[in-house]
Amino acid sequence: EGEVVKNSVLNALEVGYRVIDTAQIYGNEVSIGEALVESGIPREELYITTKIWVDNMSKAKLIPSLKESLEKLQTDYVDLTLIHWPGKNENVEEYMQALLEAKSLGLTKEIGVSNFNIELLDKAFDAVGKENIATNQIELSPYLQNQKLVSYMLEKGIKVTSYMTLAYGEVLKEPLIIDIAGKYKVTPAQIVLAWALAKEFAVIPS
């Protein structure tokens, strides 16, 4: 939180990061916004994602909550806004249509979902059309490959975004990964990230 987040983001930007992934529930949008302004990097060079938390997924709350996120991030728009968790299944149409309205208002360039299974993806498709859903961000790592869901997303033309790709570092301790890294004279993290990129995932290396 606070200065720790701000300094981490500034350091990441300094070494070349241009994609920022945050969420309302993380409680760090203010610190990220301060870092983005202080960095002086032109907004068009950045790709910023935030996520709508379950408390804000009603039609009445979603757009106001996104506007609040934009104020905290000190930007007029984000590049991608996701529904963070599915919430109650019967609300899918309501919050997806509210999210699409946010896009039409210019608050976000793209919209998508996170942690959706096949059934929920189908409901999201029915609500706004699959052409309007940029990605489904899901937990994926060598430990959790979720092949059925990934195959379905690719079949439907939905970009796969993986988070916890390094399993919070646990996969880096795996003897097989260490052996492969030694063979190719690279780090275990590079092996795992190469695996994910070879599968054409958009990767969040956590």
N, C-alpha and C. Protein backbone atom coordinates (compact mmCIF):
# COMPACT_ATOMS: atom_id res chain seq x y z
N GLU A 1 0.83 -1.19 0.00
CA GLU A 1 0.00 0.00 0.00
C GLU A 1 0.87 1.25 0.00
N GLY A 2 0.27 2.38 -0.33
CA GLY A 2 0.94 3.67 -0.21
C GLY A 2 2.23 3.76 -0.99
N GLU A 3 3.29 4.19 -0.28
CA GLU A 3 4.58 4.43 -0.92
C GLU A 3 5.19 3.15 -1.49
N VAL A 4 4.90 2.02 -0.87
CA VAL A 4 5.44 0.74 -1.37
C VAL A 4 4.91 0.47 -2.78
N VAL A 5 3.60 0.64 -2.95
CA VAL A 5 2.99 0.44 -4.27
C VAL A 5 3.52 1.47 -5.26
N LYS A 6 3.52 2.72 -4.84
CA LYS A 6 3.98 3.80 -5.73
C LYS A 6 5.40 3.54 -6.22
N ASN A 7 6.30 3.20 -5.30
CA ASN A 7 7.69 2.97 -5.68
C ASN A 7 7.85 1.72 -6.54
N SER A 8 7.06 0.70 -6.25
CA SER A 8 7.11 -0.53 -7.07
C SER A 8 6.70 -0.24 -8.50
N VAL A 9 5.63 0.54 -8.66
CA VAL A 9 5.16 0.89 -10.00
C VAL A 9 6.18 1.76 -10.72
N LEU A 10 6.74 2.73 -10.01
CA LEU A 10 7.76 3.60 -10.62
C LEU A 10 8.96 2.78 -11.08
N ASN A 11 9.39 1.83 -10.25
CA ASN A 11 10.52 0.97 -10.63
C ASN A 11 10.18 0.12 -11.84
N ALA A 12 8.97 -0.41 -11.86
CA ALA A 12 8.55 -1.24 -13.00
C ALA A 12 8.52 -0.43 -14.29
N LEU A 13 7.99 0.78 -14.20
CA LEU A 13 7.93 1.64 -15.39
C LEU A 13 9.34 2.01 -15.86
N GLU A 14 10.24 2.20 -14.91
CA GLU A 14 11.61 2.59 -15.25
C GLU A 14 12.33 1.49 -16.03
N VAL A 15 12.02 0.22 -15.71
CA VAL A 15 12.70 -0.88 -16.41
C VAL A 15 11.95 -1.33 -17.65
N GLY A 16 10.82 -0.67 -17.95
CA GLY A 16 10.17 -0.94 -19.23
C GLY A 16 8.74 -1.44 -19.19
N TYR A 17 8.22 -1.72 -18.01
CA TYR A 17 6.81 -2.14 -17.95
C TYR A 17 5.91 -1.03 -18.47
N ARG A 18 4.90 -1.42 -19.24
CA ARG A 18 3.91 -0.44 -19.72
C ARG A 18 2.48 -0.94 -19.49
N VAL A 19 2.33 -2.12 -18.94
CA VAL A 19 1.01 -2.67 -18.63
C VAL A 19 0.82 -2.67 -17.12
N ILE A 20 -0.26 -2.05 -16.68
CA ILE A 20 -0.58 -1.97 -15.25
C ILE A 20 -1.90 -2.70 -15.02
N ASP A 21 -1.89 -3.69 -14.14
CA ASP A 21 -3.10 -4.45 -13.83
C ASP A 21 -3.46 -4.21 -12.37
N THR A 22 -4.62 -3.61 -12.14
CA THR A 22 -5.06 -3.34 -10.77
C THR A 22 -6.53 -3.71 -10.64
N ALA A 23 -7.13 -3.35 -9.51
CA ALA A 23 -8.54 -3.68 -9.26
C ALA A 23 -9.04 -2.83 -8.10
N GLN A 24 -10.33 -2.59 -8.08
CA GLN A 24 -10.91 -1.80 -7.00
C GLN A 24 -10.63 -2.42 -5.64
N ILE A 25 -10.72 -3.73 -5.54
CA ILE A 25 -10.56 -4.41 -4.25
C ILE A 25 -9.11 -4.38 -3.76
N TYR A 26 -8.15 -4.13 -4.64
CA TYR A 26 -6.75 -4.10 -4.22
C TYR A 26 -6.46 -2.89 -3.33
N GLY A 27 -7.25 -1.83 -3.49
CA GLY A 27 -7.06 -0.65 -2.66
C GLY A 27 -5.80 0.14 -2.98
N ASN A 28 -5.28 0.00 -4.21
CA ASN A 28 -4.03 0.68 -4.54
C ASN A 28 -4.13 1.61 -5.75
N GLU A 29 -5.35 1.89 -6.20
CA GLU A 29 -5.51 2.72 -7.40
C GLU A 29 -4.95 4.13 -7.19
N VAL A 30 -5.10 4.69 -5.99
CA VAL A 30 -4.58 6.03 -5.72
C VAL A 30 -3.06 6.05 -5.87
N SER A 31 -2.39 5.08 -5.26
CA SER A 31 -0.93 5.03 -5.32
C SER A 31 -0.43 4.80 -6.73
N ILE A 32 -1.14 3.96 -7.48
CA ILE A 32 -0.77 3.73 -8.88
C ILE A 32 -0.94 5.01 -9.68
N GLY A 33 -2.04 5.71 -9.46
CA GLY A 33 -2.26 6.98 -10.16
C GLY A 33 -1.15 7.98 -9.90
N GLU A 34 -0.71 8.06 -8.65
CA GLU A 34 0.38 8.98 -8.31
C GLU A 34 1.66 8.59 -9.04
N ALA A 35 1.92 7.29 -9.11
CA ALA A 35 3.12 6.82 -9.80
C ALA A 35 3.06 7.11 -11.29
N LEU A 36 1.90 6.91 -11.88
CA LEU A 36 1.76 7.15 -13.32
C LEU A 36 1.99 8.62 -13.66
N VAL A 37 1.46 9.50 -12.83
CA VAL A 37 1.66 10.93 -13.06
C VAL A 37 3.12 11.31 -12.87
N GLU A 38 3.71 10.82 -11.78
CA GLU A 38 5.10 11.16 -11.47
C GLU A 38 6.06 10.63 -12.52
N SER A 39 5.71 9.51 -13.14
CA SER A 39 6.61 8.91 -14.14
C SER A 39 6.77 9.78 -15.37
N GLY A 40 5.74 10.56 -15.70
CA GLY A 40 5.79 11.40 -16.88
C GLY A 40 5.63 10.65 -18.19
N ILE A 41 5.33 9.38 -18.12
CA ILE A 41 5.15 8.58 -19.34
C ILE A 41 3.82 8.96 -20.00
N PRO A 42 3.82 9.25 -21.30
CA PRO A 42 2.56 9.62 -21.97
C PRO A 42 1.50 8.54 -21.80
N ARG A 43 0.28 8.97 -21.56
CA ARG A 43 -0.82 8.03 -21.29
C ARG A 43 -0.98 7.01 -22.42
N GLU A 44 -0.79 7.44 -23.66
CA GLU A 44 -1.01 6.53 -24.79
C GLU A 44 0.02 5.40 -24.86
N GLU A 45 1.10 5.52 -24.09
CA GLU A 45 2.11 4.45 -24.06
C GLU A 45 1.79 3.39 -23.01
N LEU A 46 0.77 3.64 -22.19
CA LEU A 46 0.42 2.74 -21.10
C LEU A 46 -0.83 1.93 -21.44
N TYR A 47 -0.92 0.75 -20.85
CA TYR A 47 -2.14 -0.07 -20.97
C TYR A 47 -2.57 -0.40 -19.54
N ILE A 48 -3.68 0.21 -19.13
CA ILE A 48 -4.13 0.11 -17.74
C ILE A 48 -5.41 -0.72 -17.67
N THR A 49 -5.39 -1.71 -16.80
CA THR A 49 -6.56 -2.55 -16.54
C THR A 49 -7.01 -2.36 -15.10
N THR A 50 -8.31 -2.21 -14.89
CA THR A 50 -8.85 -2.31 -13.54
C THR A 50 -10.04 -3.26 -13.57
N LYS A 51 -10.51 -3.61 -12.37
CA LYS A 51 -11.57 -4.62 -12.26
C LYS A 51 -12.65 -4.13 -11.32
N ILE A 52 -13.90 -4.38 -11.71
CA ILE A 52 -15.05 -3.99 -10.90
C ILE A 52 -15.30 -5.04 -9.83
N TRP A 53 -15.35 -4.60 -8.57
CA TRP A 53 -15.58 -5.55 -7.49
C TRP A 53 -17.07 -5.86 -7.35
N VAL A 54 -17.37 -6.97 -6.69
CA VAL A 54 -18.74 -7.48 -6.61
C VAL A 54 -19.71 -6.47 -5.98
N ASP A 55 -19.23 -5.65 -5.06
CA ASP A 55 -20.10 -4.66 -4.42
C ASP A 55 -20.60 -3.60 -5.40
N ASN A 56 -19.93 -3.46 -6.52
CA ASN A 56 -20.24 -2.39 -7.48
C ASN A 56 -20.81 -2.90 -8.79
N MET A 57 -21.31 -4.12 -8.81
CA MET A 57 -21.71 -4.72 -10.08
C MET A 57 -23.16 -4.47 -10.47
N SER A 58 -23.91 -3.76 -9.66
CA SER A 58 -25.28 -3.44 -10.05
C SER A 58 -25.26 -2.33 -11.10
N LYS A 59 -26.35 -2.22 -11.84
CA LYS A 59 -26.44 -1.18 -12.88
C LYS A 59 -26.25 0.21 -12.28
N ALA A 60 -26.76 0.41 -11.07
CA ALA A 60 -26.68 1.73 -10.43
C ALA A 60 -25.27 2.08 -9.96
N LYS A 61 -24.47 1.07 -9.67
CA LYS A 61 -23.16 1.33 -9.05
C LYS A 61 -21.98 1.18 -9.99
N LEU A 62 -22.11 0.38 -11.05
CA LEU A 62 -20.93 0.03 -11.83
C LEU A 62 -20.25 1.25 -12.44
N ILE A 63 -20.99 2.04 -13.19
CA ILE A 63 -20.37 3.20 -13.86
C ILE A 63 -19.85 4.23 -12.86
N PRO A 64 -20.61 4.60 -11.82
CA PRO A 64 -20.06 5.52 -10.82
C PRO A 64 -18.78 4.98 -10.17
N SER A 65 -18.73 3.68 -9.92
CA SER A 65 -17.52 3.12 -9.30
C SER A 65 -16.34 3.17 -10.26
N LEU A 66 -16.59 2.97 -11.56
CA LEU A 66 -15.51 3.06 -12.54
C LEU A 66 -15.02 4.50 -12.65
N LYS A 67 -15.93 5.45 -12.62
CA LYS A 67 -15.52 6.86 -12.64
C LYS A 67 -14.65 7.19 -11.43
N GLU A 68 -14.99 6.62 -10.29
CA GLU A 68 -14.18 6.82 -9.08
C GLU A 68 -12.79 6.21 -9.26
N SER A 69 -12.72 5.04 -9.88
CA SER A 69 -11.43 4.42 -10.17
C SER A 69 -10.59 5.30 -11.09
N LEU A 70 -11.23 5.91 -12.08
CA LEU A 70 -10.50 6.79 -13.00
C LEU A 70 -9.94 8.00 -12.26
N GLU A 71 -10.71 8.54 -11.33
CA GLU A 71 -10.22 9.67 -10.53
C GLU A 71 -8.99 9.25 -9.73
N LYS A 72 -9.06 8.09 -9.11
CA LYS A 72 -7.94 7.61 -8.31
C LYS A 72 -6.71 7.37 -9.17
N LEU A 73 -6.92 6.82 -10.36
CA LEU A 73 -5.81 6.53 -11.28
C LEU A 73 -5.33 7.77 -12.03
N GLN A 74 -6.06 8.87 -11.87
CA GLN A 74 -5.74 10.15 -12.52
C GLN A 74 -5.65 10.01 -14.04
N THR A 75 -6.68 9.38 -14.60
CA THR A 75 -6.76 9.21 -16.05
C THR A 75 -8.21 9.35 -16.50
N ASP A 76 -8.40 9.72 -17.75
CA ASP A 76 -9.75 9.89 -18.29
C ASP A 76 -10.39 8.57 -18.70
N TYR A 77 -9.56 7.54 -18.87
CA TYR A 77 -10.07 6.24 -19.31
C TYR A 77 -9.09 5.16 -18.89
N VAL A 78 -9.57 3.93 -18.85
CA VAL A 78 -8.68 2.78 -18.76
C VAL A 78 -8.76 2.01 -20.07
N ASP A 79 -7.77 1.20 -20.32
CA ASP A 79 -7.75 0.45 -21.58
C ASP A 79 -8.63 -0.80 -21.50
N LEU A 80 -8.76 -1.35 -20.30
CA LEU A 80 -9.55 -2.57 -20.13
C LEU A 80 -10.19 -2.57 -18.75
N THR A 81 -11.48 -2.86 -18.71
CA THR A 81 -12.19 -3.03 -17.43
C THR A 81 -12.81 -4.42 -17.39
N LEU A 82 -12.54 -5.12 -16.31
CA LEU A 82 -13.02 -6.49 -16.15
C LEU A 82 -14.02 -6.59 -15.00
N ILE A 83 -14.94 -7.52 -15.11
CA ILE A 83 -15.72 -7.96 -13.96
C ILE A 83 -14.81 -8.89 -13.17
N HIS A 84 -14.51 -8.54 -11.92
CA HIS A 84 -13.47 -9.26 -11.17
C HIS A 84 -13.88 -10.69 -10.82
N TRP A 85 -15.07 -10.84 -10.29
CA TRP A 85 -15.63 -12.15 -9.94
C TRP A 85 -17.05 -12.21 -10.46
N PRO A 86 -17.55 -13.39 -10.79
CA PRO A 86 -18.88 -13.48 -11.40
C PRO A 86 -20.03 -13.00 -10.52
N GLY A 87 -19.93 -13.15 -9.21
CA GLY A 87 -21.07 -12.78 -8.37
C GLY A 87 -22.22 -13.75 -8.58
N LYS A 88 -23.42 -13.29 -8.36
CA LYS A 88 -24.59 -14.14 -8.55
C LYS A 88 -24.86 -14.33 -10.04
N ASN A 89 -25.05 -15.56 -10.43
CA ASN A 89 -25.21 -15.89 -11.85
C ASN A 89 -26.33 -15.10 -12.52
N GLU A 90 -27.42 -14.84 -11.77
CA GLU A 90 -28.56 -14.18 -12.39
C GLU A 90 -28.30 -12.71 -12.72
N ASN A 91 -27.19 -12.15 -12.24
CA ASN A 91 -26.89 -10.74 -12.48
C ASN A 91 -26.00 -10.51 -13.69
N VAL A 92 -25.61 -11.57 -14.39
CA VAL A 92 -24.64 -11.44 -15.48
C VAL A 92 -25.11 -10.44 -16.53
N GLU A 93 -26.33 -10.54 -16.97
CA GLU A 93 -26.83 -9.63 -18.01
C GLU A 93 -26.78 -8.19 -17.53
N GLU A 94 -27.17 -7.94 -16.29
CA GLU A 94 -27.20 -6.58 -15.76
C GLU A 94 -25.81 -5.96 -15.73
N TYR A 95 -24.84 -6.66 -15.15
CA TYR A 95 -23.53 -6.03 -15.03
C TYR A 95 -22.76 -6.01 -16.34
N MET A 96 -22.98 -6.97 -17.21
CA MET A 96 -22.29 -6.93 -18.50
C MET A 96 -22.82 -5.80 -19.37
N GLN A 97 -24.12 -5.56 -19.33
CA GLN A 97 -24.67 -4.45 -20.11
C GLN A 97 -24.24 -3.10 -19.54
N ALA A 98 -24.11 -3.02 -18.22
CA ALA A 98 -23.60 -1.79 -17.61
C ALA A 98 -22.15 -1.56 -18.01
N LEU A 99 -21.38 -2.63 -18.08
CA LEU A 99 -19.99 -2.53 -18.50
C LEU A 99 -19.88 -2.09 -19.96
N LEU A 100 -20.75 -2.62 -20.80
CA LEU A 100 -20.76 -2.21 -22.20
C LEU A 100 -21.15 -0.74 -22.33
N GLU A 101 -22.05 -0.28 -21.48
CA GLU A 101 -22.41 1.14 -21.49
C GLU A 101 -21.21 2.00 -21.10
N ALA A 102 -20.43 1.54 -20.14
CA ALA A 102 -19.22 2.26 -19.74
C ALA A 102 -18.27 2.40 -20.92
N LYS A 103 -18.18 1.36 -21.73
CA LYS A 103 -17.35 1.43 -22.94
C LYS A 103 -17.90 2.46 -23.91
N SER A 104 -19.21 2.47 -24.10
CA SER A 104 -19.82 3.42 -25.04
C SER A 104 -19.64 4.86 -24.58
N LEU A 105 -19.48 5.05 -23.27
CA LEU A 105 -19.26 6.39 -22.71
C LEU A 105 -17.79 6.81 -22.79
N GLY A 106 -16.92 5.91 -23.22
CA GLY A 106 -15.50 6.24 -23.35
C GLY A 106 -14.72 6.09 -22.06
N LEU A 107 -15.30 5.47 -21.05
CA LEU A 107 -14.60 5.29 -19.78
C LEU A 107 -13.57 4.17 -19.86
N THR A 108 -13.79 3.24 -20.76
CA THR A 108 -12.88 2.12 -20.97
C THR A 108 -12.86 1.76 -22.45
N LYS A 109 -11.69 1.41 -22.95
CA LYS A 109 -11.60 1.07 -24.37
C LYS A 109 -12.09 -0.34 -24.66
N GLU A 110 -11.84 -1.25 -23.73
CA GLU A 110 -12.27 -2.63 -23.90
C GLU A 110 -12.87 -3.13 -22.60
N ILE A 111 -13.69 -4.19 -22.71
CA ILE A 111 -14.27 -4.79 -21.52
C ILE A 111 -14.04 -6.29 -21.55
N GLY A 112 -14.11 -6.90 -20.37
CA GLY A 112 -13.92 -8.34 -20.29
C GLY A 112 -14.33 -8.86 -18.94
N VAL A 113 -13.93 -10.09 -18.67
CA VAL A 113 -14.32 -10.74 -17.43
C VAL A 113 -13.11 -11.42 -16.81
N SER A 114 -13.27 -11.87 -15.59
CA SER A 114 -12.21 -12.58 -14.88
C SER A 114 -12.83 -13.68 -14.04
N ASN A 115 -12.17 -14.82 -14.01
CA ASN A 115 -12.63 -15.95 -13.20
C ASN A 115 -13.98 -16.51 -13.64
N PHE A 116 -14.28 -16.41 -14.92
CA PHE A 116 -15.54 -16.96 -15.46
C PHE A 116 -15.30 -18.37 -15.99
N ASN A 117 -16.23 -19.28 -15.64
CA ASN A 117 -16.19 -20.62 -16.22
C ASN A 117 -16.97 -20.63 -17.54
N ILE A 118 -17.09 -21.78 -18.16
CA ILE A 118 -17.74 -21.86 -19.48
C ILE A 118 -19.19 -21.41 -19.41
N GLU A 119 -19.92 -21.87 -18.41
CA GLU A 119 -21.33 -21.51 -18.27
C GLU A 119 -21.50 -19.99 -18.15
N LEU A 120 -20.65 -19.37 -17.35
CA LEU A 120 -20.76 -17.92 -17.15
C LEU A 120 -20.32 -17.15 -18.38
N LEU A 121 -19.31 -17.67 -19.08
CA LEU A 121 -18.91 -17.04 -20.34
C LEU A 121 -20.07 -17.02 -21.33
N ASP A 122 -20.79 -18.13 -21.41
CA ASP A 122 -21.94 -18.18 -22.32
C ASP A 122 -22.99 -17.14 -21.95
N LYS A 123 -23.20 -16.94 -20.66
CA LYS A 123 -24.16 -15.92 -20.22
C LYS A 123 -23.66 -14.52 -20.59
N ALA A 124 -22.35 -14.31 -20.46
CA ALA A 124 -21.78 -13.01 -20.84
C ALA A 124 -21.91 -12.79 -22.35
N PHE A 125 -21.67 -13.84 -23.13
CA PHE A 125 -21.84 -13.74 -24.59
C PHE A 125 -23.27 -13.35 -24.93
N ASP A 126 -24.23 -14.00 -24.27
CA ASP A 126 -25.64 -13.71 -24.53
C ASP A 126 -25.99 -12.26 -24.16
N ALA A 127 -25.32 -11.75 -23.13
CA ALA A 127 -25.65 -10.41 -22.63
C ALA A 127 -25.15 -9.30 -23.54
N VAL A 128 -23.92 -9.44 -24.07
CA VAL A 128 -23.33 -8.33 -24.83
C VAL A 128 -22.72 -8.76 -26.16
N GLY A 129 -22.72 -10.05 -26.45
CA GLY A 129 -22.07 -10.54 -27.67
C GLY A 129 -20.61 -10.83 -27.41
N LYS A 130 -20.13 -11.98 -27.86
CA LYS A 130 -18.74 -12.33 -27.57
C LYS A 130 -17.75 -11.39 -28.23
N GLU A 131 -18.18 -10.70 -29.29
CA GLU A 131 -17.28 -9.75 -29.96
C GLU A 131 -16.93 -8.57 -29.06
N ASN A 132 -17.71 -8.35 -28.01
CA ASN A 132 -17.45 -7.24 -27.09
C ASN A 132 -16.62 -7.64 -25.88
N ILE A 133 -16.27 -8.91 -25.78
CA ILE A 133 -15.51 -9.38 -24.62
C ILE A 133 -14.06 -9.62 -25.05
N ALA A 134 -13.16 -8.79 -24.53
CA ALA A 134 -11.77 -8.83 -24.97
C ALA A 134 -11.01 -10.02 -24.40
N THR A 135 -11.32 -10.38 -23.15
CA THR A 135 -10.54 -11.43 -22.49
C THR A 135 -11.28 -11.99 -21.30
N ASN A 136 -10.84 -13.15 -20.86
CA ASN A 136 -11.22 -13.72 -19.57
C ASN A 136 -9.91 -13.96 -18.83
N GLN A 137 -9.70 -13.24 -17.73
CA GLN A 137 -8.46 -13.37 -16.96
C GLN A 137 -8.67 -14.46 -15.90
N ILE A 138 -7.87 -15.52 -16.00
CA ILE A 138 -8.05 -16.67 -15.12
C ILE A 138 -6.71 -17.14 -14.57
N GLU A 139 -6.78 -17.86 -13.46
CA GLU A 139 -5.56 -18.41 -12.88
C GLU A 139 -5.07 -19.57 -13.74
N LEU A 140 -3.83 -19.46 -14.19
CA LEU A 140 -3.21 -20.51 -15.01
C LEU A 140 -1.74 -20.63 -14.65
N SER A 141 -1.28 -21.83 -14.51
CA SER A 141 0.14 -22.09 -14.26
C SER A 141 0.40 -23.54 -14.67
N PRO A 142 1.67 -23.97 -14.67
CA PRO A 142 1.91 -25.39 -14.94
C PRO A 142 1.16 -26.32 -13.98
N TYR A 143 0.85 -25.81 -12.79
CA TYR A 143 0.09 -26.60 -11.81
C TYR A 143 -1.41 -26.62 -12.11
N LEU A 144 -1.91 -25.56 -12.70
CA LEU A 144 -3.35 -25.42 -12.95
C LEU A 144 -3.53 -24.97 -14.40
N GLN A 145 -3.71 -25.92 -15.31
CA GLN A 145 -3.72 -25.59 -16.74
C GLN A 145 -5.12 -25.38 -17.31
N ASN A 146 -6.15 -25.86 -16.63
CA ASN A 146 -7.54 -25.55 -16.99
C ASN A 146 -7.78 -25.69 -18.50
N GLN A 147 -7.39 -26.81 -19.05
CA GLN A 147 -7.35 -26.97 -20.50
C GLN A 147 -8.72 -26.89 -21.17
N LYS A 148 -9.75 -27.39 -20.50
CA LYS A 148 -11.09 -27.36 -21.09
C LYS A 148 -11.56 -25.92 -21.29
N LEU A 149 -11.39 -25.08 -20.25
CA LEU A 149 -11.80 -23.68 -20.35
C LEU A 149 -10.96 -22.93 -21.37
N VAL A 150 -9.65 -23.15 -21.35
CA VAL A 150 -8.76 -22.48 -22.30
C VAL A 150 -9.14 -22.84 -23.74
N SER A 151 -9.38 -24.11 -23.99
CA SER A 151 -9.76 -24.55 -25.34
C SER A 151 -11.06 -23.90 -25.79
N TYR A 152 -12.00 -23.79 -24.87
CA TYR A 152 -13.29 -23.18 -25.19
C TYR A 152 -13.12 -21.70 -25.53
N MET A 153 -12.30 -21.01 -24.75
CA MET A 153 -12.06 -19.59 -25.01
C MET A 153 -11.41 -19.38 -26.37
N LEU A 154 -10.42 -20.19 -26.68
CA LEU A 154 -9.74 -20.06 -27.97
C LEU A 154 -10.69 -20.35 -29.12
N GLU A 155 -11.55 -21.35 -28.92
CA GLU A 155 -12.55 -21.70 -29.94
C GLU A 155 -13.50 -20.53 -30.21
N LYS A 156 -13.81 -19.77 -29.15
CA LYS A 156 -14.74 -18.65 -29.27
C LYS A 156 -14.04 -17.33 -29.61
N GLY A 157 -12.72 -17.36 -29.73
CA GLY A 157 -11.98 -16.16 -30.08
C GLY A 157 -11.78 -15.20 -28.93
N ILE A 158 -11.81 -15.71 -27.70
CA ILE A 158 -11.62 -14.88 -26.51
C ILE A 158 -10.17 -15.01 -26.05
N LYS A 159 -9.49 -13.89 -25.90
CA LYS A 159 -8.09 -13.90 -25.47
C LYS A 159 -7.97 -14.44 -24.06
N VAL A 160 -7.00 -15.32 -23.86
CA VAL A 160 -6.74 -15.89 -22.53
C VAL A 160 -5.69 -15.03 -21.82
N THR A 161 -6.05 -14.50 -20.66
CA THR A 161 -5.08 -13.79 -19.82
C THR A 161 -4.84 -14.64 -18.58
N SER A 162 -3.58 -14.95 -18.31
CA SER A 162 -3.26 -15.80 -17.16
C SER A 162 -2.71 -14.95 -16.01
N TYR A 163 -3.23 -15.22 -14.80
CA TYR A 163 -2.62 -14.63 -13.61
C TYR A 163 -2.14 -15.74 -12.69
N MET A 164 -1.28 -15.40 -11.75
CA MET A 164 -0.60 -16.38 -10.90
C MET A 164 0.15 -17.40 -11.76
N THR A 165 0.71 -16.94 -12.86
CA THR A 165 1.39 -17.82 -13.81
C THR A 165 2.60 -18.50 -13.17
N LEU A 166 3.23 -17.83 -12.20
CA LEU A 166 4.36 -18.41 -11.49
C LEU A 166 3.94 -19.06 -10.18
N ALA A 167 2.62 -19.12 -9.95
CA ALA A 167 2.07 -19.71 -8.71
C ALA A 167 2.73 -19.11 -7.47
N TYR A 168 2.85 -17.77 -7.50
CA TYR A 168 3.49 -17.04 -6.40
C TYR A 168 4.88 -17.59 -6.09
N GLY A 169 5.57 -18.04 -7.12
CA GLY A 169 6.94 -18.51 -6.98
C GLY A 169 7.09 -19.99 -6.69
N GLU A 170 6.00 -20.67 -6.38
CA GLU A 170 6.09 -22.09 -6.01
C GLU A 170 6.58 -22.95 -7.17
N VAL A 171 6.12 -22.62 -8.39
CA VAL A 171 6.51 -23.43 -9.55
C VAL A 171 8.00 -23.31 -9.84
N LEU A 172 8.62 -22.22 -9.37
CA LEU A 172 10.05 -22.01 -9.61
C LEU A 172 10.91 -22.96 -8.80
N LYS A 173 10.31 -23.62 -7.81
CA LYS A 173 11.03 -24.59 -6.98
C LYS A 173 10.90 -26.01 -7.52
N GLU A 174 10.12 -26.17 -8.57
CA GLU A 174 9.85 -27.50 -9.12
C GLU A 174 11.12 -28.07 -9.77
N PRO A 175 11.57 -29.25 -9.35
CA PRO A 175 12.82 -29.81 -9.88
C PRO A 175 12.87 -29.90 -11.40
N LEU A 176 11.77 -30.30 -12.03
CA LEU A 176 11.77 -30.41 -13.49
C LEU A 176 11.99 -29.05 -14.15
N ILE A 177 11.33 -28.03 -13.62
CA ILE A 177 11.50 -26.67 -14.16
C ILE A 177 12.95 -26.21 -13.99
N ILE A 178 13.51 -26.50 -12.82
CA ILE A 178 14.91 -26.12 -12.55
C ILE A 178 15.85 -26.84 -13.51
N ASP A 179 15.59 -28.12 -13.76
CA ASP A 179 16.44 -28.89 -14.68
C ASP A 179 16.37 -28.33 -16.10
N ILE A 180 15.17 -28.01 -16.56
CA ILE A 180 15.01 -27.46 -17.91
C ILE A 180 15.71 -26.11 -18.02
N ALA A 181 15.56 -25.29 -16.97
CA ALA A 181 16.22 -23.97 -16.97
C ALA A 181 17.73 -24.13 -17.05
N GLY A 182 18.27 -25.10 -16.32
CA GLY A 182 19.71 -25.34 -16.36
C GLY A 182 20.17 -25.79 -17.74
N LYS A 183 19.38 -26.62 -18.38
CA LYS A 183 19.71 -27.12 -19.71
C LYS A 183 19.84 -25.98 -20.71
N TYR A 184 18.94 -25.00 -20.61
CA TYR A 184 18.93 -23.90 -21.57
C TYR A 184 19.62 -22.64 -21.06
N LYS A 185 20.20 -22.74 -19.86
CA LYS A 185 20.95 -21.64 -19.26
C LYS A 185 20.10 -20.37 -19.11
N VAL A 186 18.89 -20.56 -18.62
CA VAL A 186 17.99 -19.45 -18.32
C VAL A 186 17.42 -19.68 -16.92
N THR A 187 16.59 -18.76 -16.45
CA THR A 187 16.02 -18.89 -15.12
C THR A 187 14.74 -19.74 -15.17
N PRO A 188 14.35 -20.34 -14.05
CA PRO A 188 13.07 -21.06 -14.01
C PRO A 188 11.89 -20.17 -14.39
N ALA A 189 11.93 -18.90 -13.98
CA ALA A 189 10.84 -17.99 -14.33
C ALA A 189 10.74 -17.82 -15.84
N GLN A 190 11.88 -17.73 -16.51
CA GLN A 190 11.87 -17.58 -17.97
C GLN A 190 11.26 -18.81 -18.65
N ILE A 191 11.52 -19.98 -18.10
CA ILE A 191 10.94 -21.21 -18.66
C ILE A 191 9.43 -21.20 -18.54
N VAL A 192 8.92 -20.85 -17.36
CA VAL A 192 7.47 -20.85 -17.14
C VAL A 192 6.79 -19.79 -17.99
N LEU A 193 7.39 -18.60 -18.06
CA LEU A 193 6.79 -17.54 -18.87
C LEU A 193 6.83 -17.90 -20.36
N ALA A 194 7.90 -18.55 -20.79
CA ALA A 194 7.98 -18.99 -22.20
C ALA A 194 6.89 -20.03 -22.49
N TRP A 195 6.64 -20.91 -21.52
CA TRP A 195 5.56 -21.90 -21.67
C TRP A 195 4.21 -21.21 -21.88
N ALA A 196 3.95 -20.19 -21.05
CA ALA A 196 2.67 -19.48 -21.14
C ALA A 196 2.57 -18.69 -22.45
N LEU A 197 3.65 -18.04 -22.84
CA LEU A 197 3.64 -17.26 -24.08
C LEU A 197 3.50 -18.16 -25.30
N ALA A 198 4.08 -19.36 -25.23
CA ALA A 198 3.96 -20.31 -26.34
C ALA A 198 2.51 -20.74 -26.54
N LYS A 199 1.74 -20.68 -25.47
CA LYS A 199 0.31 -21.00 -25.55
C LYS A 199 -0.53 -19.77 -25.93
N GLU A 200 0.17 -18.66 -26.20
CA GLU A 200 -0.45 -17.41 -26.63
C GLU A 200 -1.32 -16.77 -25.55
N PHE A 201 -0.94 -17.01 -24.27
CA PHE A 201 -1.61 -16.31 -23.18
C PHE A 201 -1.06 -14.90 -23.07
N ALA A 202 -1.91 -13.96 -22.68
CA ALA A 202 -1.42 -12.68 -22.17
C ALA A 202 -1.08 -12.94 -20.71
N VAL A 203 0.15 -12.65 -20.32
CA VAL A 203 0.67 -13.16 -19.05
C VAL A 203 0.84 -12.07 -18.00
N ILE A 204 0.28 -12.33 -16.81
CA ILE A 204 0.58 -11.52 -15.63
C ILE A 204 1.51 -12.37 -14.77
N PRO A 205 2.78 -12.01 -14.66
CA PRO A 205 3.78 -12.89 -14.04
C PRO A 205 3.80 -12.81 -12.52
N SER A 206 2.73 -13.24 -11.87
CA SER A 206 2.71 -13.24 -10.40
C SER A 206 2.89 -14.65 -9.87
